[in-house]
């Protein structure tokens, strides 16, 4: 059974998508259509923009979404039996699975990006990767910090969890996690605390856009971040997609559940190989590749 997965913010790179644009007429049309839908030249930012341009959430999220969806929709052998996406990648997965039209998926990616960037600008906040510590220990340490907000944000693979919170909260957590045995705590170059209570303003704005958008039943189950469960009911997909902005990304659990449900091979659709690396650490016996 083929599982297709879609990466999120952080996988972008300068020049992403140019090869697709040049090699496929179908891809060329989708890239041009994206520029029309968005009302600005996203492909120029992707192909020719600076690294700083691509680090801006308002551009990063639509760019990563576009790359992954175009890669999937223009690939001859794209025939998923299950899909999942990491954070933003969930929108890509939903679009590739037919829940959203290409245009509506792109519009939601843009709304999400803009809302999250605005939320980041309200209060200074950040994220850090915790390496070499059990999930339960990280959860306990975060819960014990009551004077600041700090929460687990991404369960990426065994031994790698990203935490999210206030700047002071992350600093406190770093000290306590190292004392608890973490090999490293690495501050991430991000604009704010994604998948935490700091994203509540963005969640409100995003929820309105999601509720006003038509969602169809997917062509195959979608394993969503908030609960790592296969979902096919459009109303539940909407609720989970909205909840995701302030909830942790349960990527480890999603991959484990997909394998338990019969996934025999994984394919990453999008820029880079981040998810391929994570899946190898989660389920080393399951083949994984790009498409």
C-alpha atoms as a PDB file:
ATOM      1  CA  UNK A   1       0.000   0.000   0.000  1.00  0.00           C
ATOM      2  CA  UNK A   2       1.383   3.351  -1.066  1.00  0.00           C
ATOM      3  CA  UNK A   3       1.450   6.226   1.415  1.00  0.00           C
ATOM      4  CA  UNK A   4       2.188   9.719   0.119  1.00  0.00           C
ATOM      5  CA  UNK A   5       3.428  12.377   2.517  1.00  0.00           C
ATOM      6  CA  UNK A   6       3.839  16.131   2.148  1.00  0.00           C
ATOM      7  CA  UNK A   7       6.369  18.325   3.998  1.00  0.00           C
ATOM      8  CA  UNK A   8       5.766  21.615   5.752  1.00  0.00           C
ATOM      9  CA  UNK A   9       7.555  24.865   6.415  1.00  0.00           C
ATOM     10  CA  UNK A  10      11.328  24.435   6.634  1.00  0.00           C
ATOM     11  CA  UNK A  11      11.697  22.285   3.509  1.00  0.00           C
ATOM     12  CA  UNK A  12      11.907  25.263   1.151  1.00  0.00           C
ATOM     13  CA  UNK A  13      15.027  26.178  -0.833  1.00  0.00           C
ATOM     14  CA  UNK A  14      15.940  28.776  -3.438  1.00  0.00           C
ATOM     15  CA  UNK A  15      15.068  27.518  -6.920  1.00  0.00           C
ATOM     16  CA  UNK A  16      12.435  25.062  -5.666  1.00  0.00           C
ATOM     17  CA  UNK A  17      10.030  23.939  -8.375  1.00  0.00           C
ATOM     18  CA  UNK A  18      11.973  25.361 -11.325  1.00  0.00           C
ATOM     19  CA  UNK A  19      12.707  21.894 -12.727  1.00  0.00           C
ATOM     20  CA  UNK A  20       9.003  20.960 -12.580  1.00  0.00           C
ATOM     21  CA  UNK A  21       8.038  24.214 -14.268  1.00  0.00           C
ATOM     22  CA  UNK A  22      10.487  23.657 -17.117  1.00  0.00           C
ATOM     23  CA  UNK A  23       9.896  19.943 -17.670  1.00  0.00           C
ATOM     24  CA  UNK A  24       6.103  19.619 -17.547  1.00  0.00           C
ATOM     25  CA  UNK A  25       3.432  21.580 -19.419  1.00  0.00           C
ATOM     26  CA  UNK A  26       0.856  20.542 -16.830  1.00  0.00           C
ATOM     27  CA  UNK A  27       3.093  21.806 -14.014  1.00  0.00           C
ATOM     28  CA  UNK A  28       3.756  25.008 -15.955  1.00  0.00           C
ATOM     29  CA  UNK A  29       0.014  25.683 -16.129  1.00  0.00           C
ATOM     30  CA  UNK A  30      -0.499  25.050 -12.405  1.00  0.00           C
ATOM     31  CA  UNK A  31       2.359  27.360 -11.435  1.00  0.00           C
ATOM     32  CA  UNK A  32       0.953  30.118 -13.656  1.00  0.00           C
ATOM     33  CA  UNK A  33      -2.528  29.511 -12.254  1.00  0.00           C
ATOM     34  CA  UNK A  34      -1.157  29.862  -8.729  1.00  0.00           C
ATOM     35  CA  UNK A  35       0.235  33.308  -9.532  1.00  0.00           C
ATOM     36  CA  UNK A  36      -3.206  34.366 -10.794  1.00  0.00           C
ATOM     37  CA  UNK A  37      -5.020  33.008  -7.722  1.00  0.00           C
ATOM     38  CA  UNK A  38      -2.611  34.669  -5.287  1.00  0.00           C
ATOM     39  CA  UNK A  39      -2.350  37.959  -7.157  1.00  0.00           C
ATOM     40  CA  UNK A  40       1.447  38.063  -7.004  1.00  0.00           C
ATOM     41  CA  UNK A  41       4.365  36.266  -8.663  1.00  0.00           C
ATOM     42  CA  UNK A  42       5.018  33.409  -6.236  1.00  0.00           C
ATOM     43  CA  UNK A  43       6.968  31.449  -8.831  1.00  0.00           C
ATOM     44  CA  UNK A  44       9.479  34.297  -9.168  1.00  0.00           C
ATOM     45  CA  UNK A  45      10.036  34.201  -5.397  1.00  0.00           C
ATOM     46  CA  UNK A  46      10.457  30.413  -5.540  1.00  0.00           C
ATOM     47  CA  UNK A  47      12.780  30.364  -8.551  1.00  0.00           C
ATOM     48  CA  UNK A  48      14.726  33.609  -8.155  1.00  0.00           C
ATOM     49  CA  UNK A  49      14.020  34.969  -4.674  1.00  0.00           C
ATOM     50  CA  UNK A  50      16.537  35.191  -1.877  1.00  0.00           C
ATOM     51  CA  UNK A  51      16.739  32.812   1.078  1.00  0.00           C
ATOM     52  CA  UNK A  52      15.341  35.628   3.211  1.00  0.00           C
ATOM     53  CA  UNK A  53      12.318  35.939   0.912  1.00  0.00           C
ATOM     54  CA  UNK A  54      11.594  32.252   1.227  1.00  0.00           C
ATOM     55  CA  UNK A  55      11.906  32.341   5.018  1.00  0.00           C
ATOM     56  CA  UNK A  56       8.936  34.703   5.276  1.00  0.00           C
ATOM     57  CA  UNK A  57       5.929  32.642   6.353  1.00  0.00           C
ATOM     58  CA  UNK A  58       3.598  34.477   3.947  1.00  0.00           C
ATOM     59  CA  UNK A  59       5.662  33.136   1.032  1.00  0.00           C
ATOM     60  CA  UNK A  60       7.054  29.921   2.505  1.00  0.00           C
ATOM     61  CA  UNK A  61       3.747  28.207   3.137  1.00  0.00           C
ATOM     62  CA  UNK A  62       2.145  28.815  -0.287  1.00  0.00           C
ATOM     63  CA  UNK A  63       5.460  27.909  -1.953  1.00  0.00           C
ATOM     64  CA  UNK A  64       5.848  24.576  -0.133  1.00  0.00           C
ATOM     65  CA  UNK A  65       2.158  23.811  -0.677  1.00  0.00           C
ATOM     66  CA  UNK A  66       2.423  24.567  -4.402  1.00  0.00           C
ATOM     67  CA  UNK A  67       5.563  22.507  -4.908  1.00  0.00           C
ATOM     68  CA  UNK A  68       4.143  19.409  -3.230  1.00  0.00           C
ATOM     69  CA  UNK A  69       0.725  19.553  -4.862  1.00  0.00           C
ATOM     70  CA  UNK A  70       2.097  20.170  -8.360  1.00  0.00           C
ATOM     71  CA  UNK A  71       4.562  17.318  -7.902  1.00  0.00           C
ATOM     72  CA  UNK A  72       1.730  14.956  -6.939  1.00  0.00           C
ATOM     73  CA  UNK A  73      -0.896  16.041  -9.455  1.00  0.00           C
ATOM     74  CA  UNK A  74       1.483  15.907 -12.436  1.00  0.00           C
ATOM     75  CA  UNK A  75       3.124  12.587 -11.552  1.00  0.00           C
ATOM     76  CA  UNK A  76       1.991   9.665 -13.713  1.00  0.00           C
ATOM     77  CA  UNK A  77       2.013   7.090 -10.926  1.00  0.00           C
ATOM     78  CA  UNK A  78       0.383   9.140  -8.157  1.00  0.00           C
ATOM     79  CA  UNK A  79      -2.111   6.626  -6.746  1.00  0.00           C
ATOM     80  CA  UNK A  80      -2.261   6.912  -2.952  1.00  0.00           C
ATOM     81  CA  UNK A  81      -3.962   4.465  -0.635  1.00  0.00           C
ATOM     82  CA  UNK A  82      -3.330   6.887   2.240  1.00  0.00           C
ATOM     83  CA  UNK A  83      -1.895  10.395   2.628  1.00  0.00           C
ATOM     84  CA  UNK A  84      -0.557  12.644   5.380  1.00  0.00           C
ATOM     85  CA  UNK A  85       1.190  15.972   5.629  1.00  0.00           C
ATOM     86  CA  UNK A  86       3.431  17.565   8.251  1.00  0.00           C
ATOM     87  CA  UNK A  87       1.824  20.781   9.564  1.00  0.00           C
ATOM     88  CA  UNK A  88       1.236  22.929   6.453  1.00  0.00           C
ATOM     89  CA  UNK A  89       1.739  19.724   4.440  1.00  0.00           C
ATOM     90  CA  UNK A  90      -1.655  18.534   5.639  1.00  0.00           C
ATOM     91  CA  UNK A  91      -3.250  21.090   3.312  1.00  0.00           C
ATOM     92  CA  UNK A  92      -1.153  19.704   0.456  1.00  0.00           C
ATOM     93  CA  UNK A  93      -2.236  16.162   1.330  1.00  0.00           C
ATOM     94  CA  UNK A  94      -5.907  17.174   1.437  1.00  0.00           C
ATOM     95  CA  UNK A  95      -5.648  18.868  -1.950  1.00  0.00           C
ATOM     96  CA  UNK A  96      -3.804  15.964  -3.559  1.00  0.00           C
ATOM     97  CA  UNK A  97      -6.454  13.603  -2.147  1.00  0.00           C
ATOM     98  CA  UNK A  98      -9.272  15.636  -3.696  1.00  0.00           C
ATOM     99  CA  UNK A  99     -10.721  17.152  -0.529  1.00  0.00           C
ATOM    100  CA  UNK A 100      -9.952  20.643  -1.822  1.00  0.00           C
ATOM    101  CA  UNK A 101      -9.668  22.007  -5.332  1.00  0.00           C
ATOM    102  CA  UNK A 102      -6.213  23.251  -6.327  1.00  0.00           C
ATOM    103  CA  UNK A 103      -7.402  26.868  -6.143  1.00  0.00           C
ATOM    104  CA  UNK A 104      -9.132  26.497  -2.770  1.00  0.00           C
ATOM    105  CA  UNK A 105      -6.195  24.631  -1.251  1.00  0.00           C
ATOM    106  CA  UNK A 106      -3.844  27.391  -2.375  1.00  0.00           C
ATOM    107  CA  UNK A 107      -6.163  30.089  -1.000  1.00  0.00           C
ATOM    108  CA  UNK A 108      -6.263  28.341   2.389  1.00  0.00           C
ATOM    109  CA  UNK A 109      -2.477  27.997   2.392  1.00  0.00           C
ATOM    110  CA  UNK A 110      -2.231  31.746   1.806  1.00  0.00           C
ATOM    111  CA  UNK A 111      -4.783  32.593   4.511  1.00  0.00           C
ATOM    112  CA  UNK A 112      -3.017  30.279   6.958  1.00  0.00           C
ATOM    113  CA  UNK A 113       0.364  31.831   6.216  1.00  0.00           C
ATOM    114  CA  UNK A 114      -0.844  35.402   6.565  1.00  0.00           C
ATOM    115  CA  UNK A 115      -2.756  34.681   9.772  1.00  0.00           C
ATOM    116  CA  UNK A 116       0.198  32.870  11.345  1.00  0.00           C
ATOM    117  CA  UNK A 117       2.638  35.625  10.414  1.00  0.00           C
ATOM    118  CA  UNK A 118       0.341  38.204  12.010  1.00  0.00           C
ATOM    119  CA  UNK A 119       0.061  36.062  15.160  1.00  0.00           C
ATOM    120  CA  UNK A 120       3.853  35.787  15.334  1.00  0.00           C
ATOM    121  CA  UNK A 121       4.152  39.570  15.288  1.00  0.00           C
ATOM    122  CA  UNK A 122       1.831  40.038  18.288  1.00  0.00           C
ATOM    123  CA  UNK A 123       4.094  38.513  20.972  1.00  0.00           C
ATOM    124  CA  UNK A 124       7.763  37.395  20.779  1.00  0.00           C
ATOM    125  CA  UNK A 125       7.853  33.597  20.772  1.00  0.00           C
ATOM    126  CA  UNK A 126       9.987  30.819  19.345  1.00  0.00           C
ATOM    127  CA  UNK A 127      10.655  27.072  19.003  1.00  0.00           C
ATOM    128  CA  UNK A 128      13.459  24.622  19.792  1.00  0.00           C
ATOM    129  CA  UNK A 129      14.282  21.039  18.827  1.00  0.00           C
ATOM    130  CA  UNK A 130      14.922  18.663  21.720  1.00  0.00           C
ATOM    131  CA  UNK A 131      17.179  15.746  20.813  1.00  0.00           C
ATOM    132  CA  UNK A 132      17.754  12.477  22.637  1.00  0.00           C
ATOM    133  CA  UNK A 133      15.021  12.585  25.269  1.00  0.00           C
ATOM    134  CA  UNK A 134      11.841  10.534  25.747  1.00  0.00           C
ATOM    135  CA  UNK A 135       8.560  12.172  24.778  1.00  0.00           C
ATOM    136  CA  UNK A 136       7.165  11.667  28.266  1.00  0.00           C
ATOM    137  CA  UNK A 137      10.082  13.505  29.886  1.00  0.00           C
ATOM    138  CA  UNK A 138       9.689  16.461  27.519  1.00  0.00           C
ATOM    139  CA  UNK A 139       5.953  16.588  28.225  1.00  0.00           C
ATOM    140  CA  UNK A 140       6.578  16.537  31.986  1.00  0.00           C
ATOM    141  CA  UNK A 141       9.204  19.291  31.866  1.00  0.00           C
ATOM    142  CA  UNK A 142       6.955  21.517  29.751  1.00  0.00           C
ATOM    143  CA  UNK A 143       3.977  20.932  32.048  1.00  0.00           C
ATOM    144  CA  UNK A 144       6.045  21.857  35.095  1.00  0.00           C
ATOM    145  CA  UNK A 145       6.833  25.310  33.661  1.00  0.00           C
ATOM    146  CA  UNK A 146       3.763  27.197  34.804  1.00  0.00           C
ATOM    147  CA  UNK A 147       5.139  30.745  34.841  1.00  0.00           C
ATOM    148  CA  UNK A 148       5.564  30.775  31.030  1.00  0.00           C
ATOM    149  CA  UNK A 149       3.919  29.073  28.030  1.00  0.00           C
ATOM    150  CA  UNK A 150       5.918  26.176  26.590  1.00  0.00           C
ATOM    151  CA  UNK A 151       4.418  23.057  24.960  1.00  0.00           C
ATOM    152  CA  UNK A 152       5.437  20.120  22.743  1.00  0.00           C
ATOM    153  CA  UNK A 153       4.738  21.190  19.156  1.00  0.00           C
ATOM    154  CA  UNK A 154       6.096  18.530  16.784  1.00  0.00           C
ATOM    155  CA  UNK A 155       6.634  14.844  17.549  1.00  0.00           C
ATOM    156  CA  UNK A 156       8.947  14.394  14.561  1.00  0.00           C
ATOM    157  CA  UNK A 157      10.537  10.998  15.264  1.00  0.00           C
ATOM    158  CA  UNK A 158      11.793   9.042  18.270  1.00  0.00           C
ATOM    159  CA  UNK A 159      14.327  11.242  20.027  1.00  0.00           C
ATOM    160  CA  UNK A 160      13.320  14.450  18.242  1.00  0.00           C
ATOM    161  CA  UNK A 161      10.542  16.640  19.564  1.00  0.00           C
ATOM    162  CA  UNK A 162      10.136  20.347  18.852  1.00  0.00           C
ATOM    163  CA  UNK A 163       8.842  22.557  21.663  1.00  0.00           C
ATOM    164  CA  UNK A 164       7.094  25.881  21.201  1.00  0.00           C
ATOM    165  CA  UNK A 165       6.490  28.834  23.499  1.00  0.00           C
ATOM    166  CA  UNK A 166       7.487  32.219  24.832  1.00  0.00           C
ATOM    167  CA  UNK A 167      11.146  33.188  24.542  1.00  0.00           C
ATOM    168  CA  UNK A 168      11.536  32.998  28.322  1.00  0.00           C
ATOM    169  CA  UNK A 169       9.647  29.689  28.421  1.00  0.00           C
ATOM    170  CA  UNK A 170      11.935  28.106  25.837  1.00  0.00           C
ATOM    171  CA  UNK A 171      14.980  29.331  27.778  1.00  0.00           C
ATOM    172  CA  UNK A 172      13.662  27.780  30.987  1.00  0.00           C
ATOM    173  CA  UNK A 173      12.810  24.549  29.183  1.00  0.00           C
ATOM    174  CA  UNK A 174      16.261  24.368  27.613  1.00  0.00           C
ATOM    175  CA  UNK A 175      17.933  24.448  31.038  1.00  0.00           C
ATOM    176  CA  UNK A 176      15.587  21.865  32.542  1.00  0.00           C
ATOM    177  CA  UNK A 177      15.610  19.540  29.542  1.00  0.00           C
ATOM    178  CA  UNK A 178      19.407  19.474  29.487  1.00  0.00           C
ATOM    179  CA  UNK A 179      19.374  18.712  33.214  1.00  0.00           C
ATOM    180  CA  UNK A 180      16.920  15.879  32.479  1.00  0.00           C
ATOM    181  CA  UNK A 181      19.338  14.323  29.976  1.00  0.00           C
ATOM    182  CA  UNK A 182      18.640  15.882  26.584  1.00  0.00           C
ATOM    183  CA  UNK A 183      21.606  15.501  24.237  1.00  0.00           C
ATOM    184  CA  UNK A 184      20.941  18.890  22.649  1.00  0.00           C
ATOM    185  CA  UNK A 185      18.339  21.647  22.618  1.00  0.00           C
ATOM    186  CA  UNK A 186      18.579  23.593  19.362  1.00  0.00           C
ATOM    187  CA  UNK A 187      16.848  26.939  18.925  1.00  0.00           C
ATOM    188  CA  UNK A 188      15.095  27.139  15.550  1.00  0.00           C
ATOM    189  CA  UNK A 189      15.169  30.108  13.176  1.00  0.00           C
ATOM    190  CA  UNK A 190      11.403  30.579  13.058  1.00  0.00           C
ATOM    191  CA  UNK A 191       9.149  33.600  13.295  1.00  0.00           C
ATOM    192  CA  UNK A 192       7.168  32.406  16.293  1.00  0.00           C
ATOM    193  CA  UNK A 193       5.663  29.607  18.356  1.00  0.00           C
ATOM    194  CA  UNK A 194       3.754  27.468  15.868  1.00  0.00           C
ATOM    195  CA  UNK A 195       1.367  24.783  17.182  1.00  0.00           C
ATOM    196  CA  UNK A 196       0.979  26.495  20.531  1.00  0.00           C
ATOM    197  CA  UNK A 197      -1.536  28.787  22.267  1.00  0.00           C
ATOM    198  CA  UNK A 198       0.279  31.725  20.647  1.00  0.00           C
ATOM    199  CA  UNK A 199      -1.441  30.738  17.390  1.00  0.00           C
ATOM    200  CA  UNK A 200      -4.981  31.236  18.736  1.00  0.00           C
ATOM    201  CA  UNK A 201      -5.455  34.561  16.852  1.00  0.00           C
ATOM    202  CA  UNK A 202      -4.405  32.817  13.630  1.00  0.00           C
ATOM    203  CA  UNK A 203      -6.687  29.893  14.388  1.00  0.00           C
ATOM    204  CA  UNK A 204      -9.719  32.185  14.627  1.00  0.00           C
ATOM    205  CA  UNK A 205      -8.962  33.754  11.251  1.00  0.00           C
ATOM    206  CA  UNK A 206      -8.128  30.429   9.595  1.00  0.00           C
ATOM    207  CA  UNK A 207     -11.256  28.755  10.996  1.00  0.00           C
ATOM    208  CA  UNK A 208     -13.509  31.269   9.271  1.00  0.00           C
ATOM    209  CA  UNK A 209     -11.833  30.589   5.919  1.00  0.00           C
ATOM    210  CA  UNK A 210     -12.017  26.808   6.392  1.00  0.00           C
ATOM    211  CA  UNK A 211     -15.681  26.832   7.382  1.00  0.00           C
ATOM    212  CA  UNK A 212     -16.573  28.860   4.275  1.00  0.00           C
ATOM    213  CA  UNK A 213     -14.678  26.516   1.931  1.00  0.00           C
ATOM    214  CA  UNK A 214     -16.258  23.405   0.351  1.00  0.00           C
ATOM    215  CA  UNK A 215     -14.575  20.150   1.410  1.00  0.00           C
ATOM    216  CA  UNK A 216     -15.203  16.858  -0.428  1.00  0.00           C
ATOM    217  CA  UNK A 217     -14.644  13.293   0.764  1.00  0.00           C
ATOM    218  CA  UNK A 218     -11.018  12.258   0.046  1.00  0.00           C
ATOM    219  CA  UNK A 219     -10.075   9.580  -2.481  1.00  0.00           C
ATOM    220  CA  UNK A 220      -8.267   7.762   0.358  1.00  0.00           C
ATOM    221  CA  UNK A 221      -7.909   8.160   4.139  1.00  0.00           C
ATOM    222  CA  UNK A 222      -6.041  11.238   5.377  1.00  0.00           C
ATOM    223  CA  UNK A 223      -4.002  10.756   8.548  1.00  0.00           C
ATOM    224  CA  UNK A 224      -4.299  14.084  10.327  1.00  0.00           C
ATOM    225  CA  UNK A 225      -1.763  15.685  12.641  1.00  0.00           C
ATOM    226  CA  UNK A 226      -3.952  16.272  15.681  1.00  0.00           C
ATOM    227  CA  UNK A 227      -4.808  12.626  16.353  1.00  0.00           C
ATOM    228  CA  UNK A 228      -2.822  10.486  13.870  1.00  0.00           C
ATOM    229  CA  UNK A 229      -6.101   8.835  12.864  1.00  0.00           C
ATOM    230  CA  UNK A 230      -7.358   8.058   9.331  1.00  0.00           C
ATOM    231  CA  UNK A 231     -10.152  10.469   8.459  1.00  0.00           C
ATOM    232  CA  UNK A 232     -12.556  10.584   5.512  1.00  0.00           C
ATOM    233  CA  UNK A 233     -15.488  12.671   6.800  1.00  0.00           C
ATOM    234  CA  UNK A 234     -15.272  16.277   5.501  1.00  0.00           C
ATOM    235  CA  UNK A 235     -16.676  17.922   8.670  1.00  0.00           C
ATOM    236  CA  UNK A 236     -14.176  16.069  10.857  1.00  0.00           C
ATOM    237  CA  UNK A 237     -11.342  16.914   8.469  1.00  0.00           C
ATOM    238  CA  UNK A 238     -12.260  20.602   8.806  1.00  0.00           C
ATOM    239  CA  UNK A 239     -12.332  20.439  12.611  1.00  0.00           C
ATOM    240  CA  UNK A 240      -8.981  18.657  12.777  1.00  0.00           C
ATOM    241  CA  UNK A 241      -7.386  21.074  10.303  1.00  0.00           C
ATOM    242  CA  UNK A 242      -8.468  24.060  12.409  1.00  0.00           C
ATOM    243  CA  UNK A 243      -7.377  22.443  15.694  1.00  0.00           C
ATOM    244  CA  UNK A 244      -3.945  21.743  14.217  1.00  0.00           C
ATOM    245  CA  UNK A 245      -2.805  25.373  14.512  1.00  0.00           C
ATOM    246  CA  UNK A 246      -2.705  25.216  18.321  1.00  0.00           C
ATOM    247  CA  UNK A 247      -2.135  21.455  18.715  1.00  0.00           C
ATOM    248  CA  UNK A 248       1.032  19.369  18.364  1.00  0.00           C
ATOM    249  CA  UNK A 249       1.913  17.676  15.079  1.00  0.00           C
ATOM    250  CA  UNK A 250       1.860  13.958  15.892  1.00  0.00           C
ATOM    251  CA  UNK A 251       4.067  12.883  13.019  1.00  0.00           C
ATOM    252  CA  UNK A 252       5.711   9.904  14.721  1.00  0.00           C
ATOM    253  CA  UNK A 253       2.307   8.551  15.685  1.00  0.00           C
ATOM    254  CA  UNK A 254       0.878   9.196  12.204  1.00  0.00           C
ATOM    255  CA  UNK A 255       3.610   7.226  10.456  1.00  0.00           C
ATOM    256  CA  UNK A 256       3.346   4.407  13.001  1.00  0.00           C
ATOM    257  CA  UNK A 257      -0.419   4.233  12.457  1.00  0.00           C
ATOM    258  CA  UNK A 258      -0.040   4.238   8.659  1.00  0.00           C
ATOM    259  CA  UNK A 259       2.408   1.344   8.893  1.00  0.00           C
ATOM    260  CA  UNK A 260       0.058  -0.500  11.265  1.00  0.00           C
ATOM    261  CA  UNK A 261      -2.766   0.060   8.753  1.00  0.00           C
ATOM    262  CA  UNK A 262      -0.772  -1.522   5.937  1.00  0.00           C
ATOM    263  CA  UNK A 263       1.547   1.094   4.410  1.00  0.00           C
ATOM    264  CA  UNK A 264       4.322  -0.807   2.640  1.00  0.00           C
ATOM    265  CA  UNK A 265       6.074   2.150   0.964  1.00  0.00           C
ATOM    266  CA  UNK A 266       6.221   5.904   1.520  1.00  0.00           C
ATOM    267  CA  UNK A 267       6.721   8.631  -1.088  1.00  0.00           C
ATOM    268  CA  UNK A 268       7.493  12.251  -0.234  1.00  0.00           C
ATOM    269  CA  UNK A 269       5.931  14.921  -2.461  1.00  0.00           C
ATOM    270  CA  UNK A 270       7.577  18.307  -2.110  1.00  0.00           C
ATOM    271  CA  UNK A 271      10.899  20.081  -1.735  1.00  0.00           C
ATOM    272  CA  UNK A 272      13.731  18.358   0.097  1.00  0.00           C
ATOM    273  CA  UNK A 273      13.935  15.055   1.929  1.00  0.00           C
ATOM    274  CA  UNK A 274      13.027  16.006   5.488  1.00  0.00           C
ATOM    275  CA  UNK A 275      10.153  13.550   5.826  1.00  0.00           C
ATOM    276  CA  UNK A 276      12.132  10.741   4.234  1.00  0.00           C
ATOM    277  CA  UNK A 277      14.727  11.132   6.975  1.00  0.00           C
ATOM    278  CA  UNK A 278      12.121  11.164   9.723  1.00  0.00           C
ATOM    279  CA  UNK A 279      10.275   8.123   8.356  1.00  0.00           C
ATOM    280  CA  UNK A 280      13.519   6.136   8.237  1.00  0.00           C
ATOM    281  CA  UNK A 281      13.923   6.820  11.955  1.00  0.00           C
ATOM    282  CA  UNK A 282      10.306   5.952  12.754  1.00  0.00           C
ATOM    283  CA  UNK A 283       9.972   2.795  10.638  1.00  0.00           C
ATOM    284  CA  UNK A 284      13.382   1.769   9.332  1.00  0.00           C
ATOM    285  CA  UNK A 285      12.063  -1.363   7.632  1.00  0.00           C
ATOM    286  CA  UNK A 286       9.592   0.526   5.411  1.00  0.00           C
ATOM    287  CA  UNK A 287      10.934   1.779   2.056  1.00  0.00           C
ATOM    288  CA  UNK A 288      10.722   5.544   1.541  1.00  0.00           C
ATOM    289  CA  UNK A 289      11.660   7.726  -1.429  1.00  0.00           C
ATOM    290  CA  UNK A 290      10.789  10.925  -3.249  1.00  0.00           C
ATOM    291  CA  UNK A 291       8.675  10.978  -6.395  1.00  0.00           C
END
